[in-house]
Amino acid sequence: MALKGSLTDISIADLIQLNCQSGAQARLTAQRASDGAELSVYFDGGEIVHAQVGDVQGEEAVYELLLWQAGTFEVEQGIRAPTRTIDVPWSALIMEGLRRLDERQVQAPAAAPSALERALSEMAARLSFQGIAVISRDGLVLAAELPGQLDRARLGAIAAGLLSLSARSVGQLQRGELQQTVIQGTEGKIIITHAGETAALVALADTQLSLGMAFLEARETARQLAGLLGT
């Protein structure tokens, strides 16, 4: 039976990781929501062996897919690739794809602040967090107020990966549905929590902010953001 779903529910990077870790022969077919473009990725022996979108084949097709943010996908097991065009490890493909995404966001012309960005900026001024960001489920940063030179694209990619891994872990350990993820380091805390059905809040707190206060502020901020996003 084929696995089907929406790219708003699981990121392309996660789909690639899951299929490579299974080690089976499979074909991932994705259809982009904006124009109906279709891209196929073939897996075999724990690696990506072929990918194609239109006339583009190989690594460039995978990099193109990693930029897609909305659409549908289908994974069919036991389908052999018609040819082999990729010999690069799947993890290296994802890292290069994220690097290209970083470059694209840096080179993009600055736009006027959106309503979400303005609201987040106002929230940041009232909160105890060192930085906050709103990301889509696939790691795209929708708005952010971050300290220093912290890279928006990298934060989005890392946070989306953590959120996806946490959700799978909660399910596998039969702990219900994920509410939030908390990581505590020597220099501060990272809190990731859902902000509606399609986005998540990432909050960065210093070591002085108590977990109780951090959780309270994160939940209330996520609730307000979900209202702004209409989810």
Protein backbone atom coordinates (compact mmCIF):
# COMPACT_ATOMS: atom_id res chain seq x y z
CA MET A 1 0.00 0.00 0.00
CA ALA A 2 1.36 3.43 -0.98
CA LEU A 3 1.96 6.08 1.68
CA LYS A 4 0.30 9.38 0.77
CA GLY A 5 0.20 12.73 2.50
CA SER A 6 0.72 16.49 2.46
CA LEU A 7 4.07 18.29 2.48
CA THR A 8 2.66 20.62 5.14
CA ASP A 9 2.51 17.65 7.53
CA ILE A 10 6.01 16.26 6.94
CA SER A 11 9.05 17.92 5.40
CA ILE A 12 10.88 16.67 2.34
CA ALA A 13 14.04 16.21 4.43
CA ASP A 14 12.15 13.92 6.82
CA LEU A 15 10.68 11.90 3.95
CA ILE A 16 14.15 11.39 2.50
CA GLN A 17 15.56 10.37 5.88
CA LEU A 18 12.76 7.88 6.58
CA ASN A 19 13.07 6.19 3.19
CA CYS A 20 16.86 6.03 3.31
CA GLN A 21 16.84 4.56 6.81
CA SER A 22 14.45 1.82 5.69
CA GLY A 23 16.99 0.66 3.09
CA ALA A 24 14.24 -0.53 0.74
CA GLN A 25 13.64 0.15 -2.93
CA ALA A 26 11.01 2.86 -3.22
CA ARG A 27 9.83 5.82 -5.28
CA LEU A 28 8.78 9.14 -3.77
CA THR A 29 6.57 11.19 -6.07
CA ALA A 30 5.81 14.78 -5.03
CA GLN A 31 3.47 17.28 -6.67
CA ARG A 32 3.95 20.99 -6.00
CA ALA A 33 0.81 22.87 -4.99
CA SER A 34 1.63 26.12 -6.80
CA ASP A 35 1.88 24.76 -10.35
CA GLY A 36 1.34 20.99 -10.25
CA ALA A 37 4.97 20.22 -11.12
CA GLU A 38 5.83 16.58 -10.38
CA LEU A 39 9.16 15.25 -9.15
CA SER A 40 10.24 11.65 -8.53
CA VAL A 41 12.98 10.40 -6.19
CA TYR A 42 14.13 6.76 -6.18
CA PHE A 43 15.68 5.01 -3.18
CA ASP A 44 17.73 1.83 -3.02
CA GLY A 45 20.02 0.37 -0.35
CA GLY A 46 19.66 3.32 2.02
CA GLU A 47 20.55 6.01 -0.53
CA ILE A 48 18.96 8.20 -3.19
CA VAL A 49 19.96 6.77 -6.56
CA HIS A 50 17.94 8.88 -9.00
CA ALA A 51 15.70 11.97 -9.07
CA GLN A 52 13.97 13.80 -11.89
CA VAL A 53 11.74 16.84 -12.40
CA GLY A 54 11.03 17.73 -16.02
CA ASP A 55 14.33 17.58 -17.91
CA VAL A 56 16.41 18.00 -14.74
CA GLN A 57 17.92 14.82 -13.29
CA GLY A 58 20.27 13.84 -10.48
CA GLU A 59 21.40 16.01 -7.58
CA GLU A 60 19.88 19.22 -8.95
CA ALA A 61 16.43 17.63 -8.93
CA VAL A 62 16.83 16.78 -5.22
CA TYR A 63 17.92 20.35 -4.45
CA GLU A 64 14.85 21.60 -6.29
CA LEU A 65 12.58 19.34 -4.24
CA LEU A 66 14.06 20.56 -0.94
CA LEU A 67 12.79 24.06 -1.82
CA TRP A 68 9.17 22.93 -2.14
CA GLN A 69 6.97 24.08 0.72
CA ALA A 70 3.48 22.88 -0.16
CA GLY A 71 2.02 20.01 -2.15
CA THR A 72 1.32 16.30 -1.89
CA PHE A 73 3.47 13.17 -1.92
CA GLU A 74 3.18 9.44 -2.45
CA VAL A 75 5.72 6.73 -1.55
CA GLU A 76 5.51 3.39 -3.36
CA GLN A 77 7.61 0.44 -2.22
CA GLY A 78 9.45 -2.04 -4.45
CA ILE A 79 9.93 0.25 -7.46
CA ARG A 80 13.38 0.14 -9.05
CA ALA A 81 15.01 3.29 -10.42
CA PRO A 82 15.12 3.42 -14.25
CA THR A 83 18.73 4.64 -14.07
CA ARG A 84 21.31 5.84 -11.56
CA THR A 85 22.21 9.53 -11.61
CA ILE A 86 23.22 10.10 -7.95
CA ASP A 87 26.19 8.73 -6.01
CA VAL A 88 26.29 11.35 -3.23
CA PRO A 89 25.18 10.25 0.30
CA TRP A 90 21.67 11.37 1.14
CA SER A 91 22.81 13.34 4.20
CA ALA A 92 25.23 15.35 2.05
CA LEU A 93 22.41 16.12 -0.41
CA ILE A 94 20.24 17.52 2.38
CA MET A 95 23.06 19.64 3.82
CA GLU A 96 23.87 21.10 0.39
CA GLY A 97 20.18 21.75 -0.24
CA LEU A 98 19.85 23.64 3.06
CA ARG A 99 23.00 25.64 2.24
CA ARG A 100 21.45 26.70 -1.07
CA LEU A 101 18.27 27.66 0.72
CA ASP A 102 20.35 29.82 3.09
CA GLU A 103 21.95 31.59 0.12
CA ARG A 104 18.61 32.18 -1.57
CA GLN A 105 17.15 33.79 1.53
CA VAL A 106 20.22 36.01 2.01
CA GLN A 107 20.10 37.18 -1.62
CA ALA A 108 16.36 37.81 -1.65
CA PRO A 109 15.46 41.54 -1.70
CA ALA A 110 14.22 42.94 1.58
CA ALA A 111 10.44 43.23 1.75
CA ALA A 112 8.23 45.42 3.88
CA PRO A 113 7.44 43.82 7.26
CA SER A 114 4.35 41.65 7.16
CA ALA A 115 1.54 41.85 9.71
CA LEU A 116 2.95 38.71 11.35
CA GLU A 117 6.44 40.22 11.55
CA ARG A 118 5.11 43.43 13.07
CA ALA A 119 3.08 41.49 15.63
CA LEU A 120 6.02 39.27 16.52
CA SER A 121 8.25 42.32 16.99
CA GLU A 122 5.71 43.83 19.39
CA MET A 123 5.47 40.54 21.30
CA ALA A 124 9.24 40.24 21.55
CA ALA A 125 9.44 43.61 23.26
CA ARG A 126 7.11 42.39 26.03
CA LEU A 127 8.48 38.89 26.51
CA SER A 128 11.36 37.57 28.62
CA PHE A 129 12.86 35.56 25.74
CA GLN A 130 16.16 36.44 24.10
CA GLY A 131 14.70 35.57 20.72
CA ILE A 132 11.55 34.17 19.11
CA ALA A 133 10.64 32.87 15.65
CA VAL A 134 7.62 31.45 13.86
CA ILE A 135 8.39 28.62 11.44
CA SER A 136 6.37 26.45 9.08
CA ARG A 137 6.42 22.68 9.65
CA ASP A 138 9.09 22.29 6.94
CA GLY A 139 11.40 24.85 8.56
CA LEU A 140 10.66 28.03 6.61
CA VAL A 141 11.01 31.05 8.91
CA LEU A 142 7.82 33.11 8.63
CA ALA A 143 8.94 35.81 11.07
CA ALA A 144 11.70 36.17 13.65
CA GLU A 145 13.24 38.45 16.25
CA LEU A 146 16.63 36.89 16.96
CA PRO A 147 19.72 37.98 18.89
CA GLY A 148 23.04 38.89 17.30
CA GLN A 149 24.07 37.10 14.13
CA LEU A 150 21.94 33.99 14.66
CA ASP A 151 21.03 32.65 11.22
CA ARG A 152 17.27 32.51 10.54
CA ALA A 153 17.41 29.75 7.93
CA ARG A 154 19.60 27.51 10.07
CA LEU A 155 17.35 28.01 13.10
CA GLY A 156 14.30 27.10 11.01
CA ALA A 157 15.87 23.92 9.62
CA ILE A 158 17.13 22.76 13.03
CA ALA A 159 13.86 23.55 14.82
CA ALA A 160 11.76 21.74 12.18
CA GLY A 161 13.97 18.68 12.49
CA LEU A 162 13.70 18.70 16.28
CA LEU A 163 9.93 19.11 16.13
CA SER A 164 9.51 16.23 13.68
CA LEU A 165 11.82 13.93 15.65
CA SER A 166 10.06 14.78 18.91
CA ALA A 167 6.62 14.10 17.44
CA ARG A 168 7.73 10.70 16.15
CA SER A 169 9.35 9.84 19.49
CA VAL A 170 6.21 10.73 21.44
CA GLY A 171 4.14 8.54 19.13
CA GLN A 172 6.54 5.59 19.24
CA LEU A 173 6.64 5.72 23.04
CA GLN A 174 2.84 5.98 23.22
CA ARG A 175 2.81 9.34 25.01
CA GLY A 176 -0.10 10.80 23.02
CA GLU A 177 0.44 13.92 20.91
CA LEU A 178 3.42 16.24 21.14
CA GLN A 179 2.78 19.48 23.03
CA GLN A 180 6.23 21.03 23.15
CA THR A 181 9.94 20.28 22.95
CA VAL A 182 12.41 21.69 25.47
CA ILE A 183 16.20 21.57 25.22
CA GLN A 184 18.29 22.95 28.05
CA GLY A 185 21.94 23.87 27.52
CA THR A 186 24.59 25.50 29.66
CA GLU A 187 23.89 28.87 28.01
CA GLY A 188 20.10 28.74 27.87
CA LYS A 189 16.93 26.94 26.82
CA ILE A 190 15.17 26.23 23.52
CA ILE A 191 11.38 25.78 23.57
CA ILE A 192 9.48 24.65 20.47
CA THR A 193 5.70 24.43 20.55
CA HIS A 194 2.89 24.29 18.00
CA ALA A 195 1.31 27.57 16.90
CA GLY A 196 -1.82 26.27 15.21
CA GLU A 197 -1.92 23.44 12.67
CA THR A 198 0.75 24.60 10.23
CA ALA A 199 3.33 26.55 12.25
CA ALA A 200 5.46 26.40 15.37
CA LEU A 201 6.94 28.88 17.82
CA VAL A 202 10.65 28.70 18.63
CA ALA A 203 11.67 30.56 21.79
CA LEU A 204 15.22 31.11 23.06
CA ALA A 205 15.56 31.79 26.79
CA ASP A 206 18.58 32.50 28.98
CA THR A 207 19.52 30.43 32.02
CA GLN A 208 17.91 32.90 34.44
CA LEU A 209 14.37 32.46 33.14
CA SER A 210 12.55 29.72 35.05
CA LEU A 211 11.02 26.87 33.07
CA GLY A 212 7.60 27.61 34.53
CA MET A 213 7.64 31.21 33.29
CA ALA A 214 9.15 30.15 29.98
CA PHE A 215 6.40 27.57 29.39
CA LEU A 216 3.69 30.07 30.32
CA GLU A 217 4.97 32.75 27.96
CA ALA A 218 5.57 30.25 25.15
CA ARG A 219 2.05 28.80 25.36
CA GLU A 220 0.38 32.22 25.42
CA THR A 221 2.52 33.54 22.57
CA ALA A 222 1.84 30.41 20.47
CA ARG A 223 -1.89 30.86 21.08
CA GLN A 224 -1.79 34.47 19.90
CA LEU A 225 0.27 33.57 16.84
CA ALA A 226 -2.13 30.77 15.91
CA GLY A 227 -4.90 33.38 15.92
CA LEU A 228 -2.91 35.65 13.64
CA LEU A 229 -2.22 32.77 11.27
CA GLY A 230 -5.87 31.77 11.28
CA THR A 231 -5.19 28.17 12.39
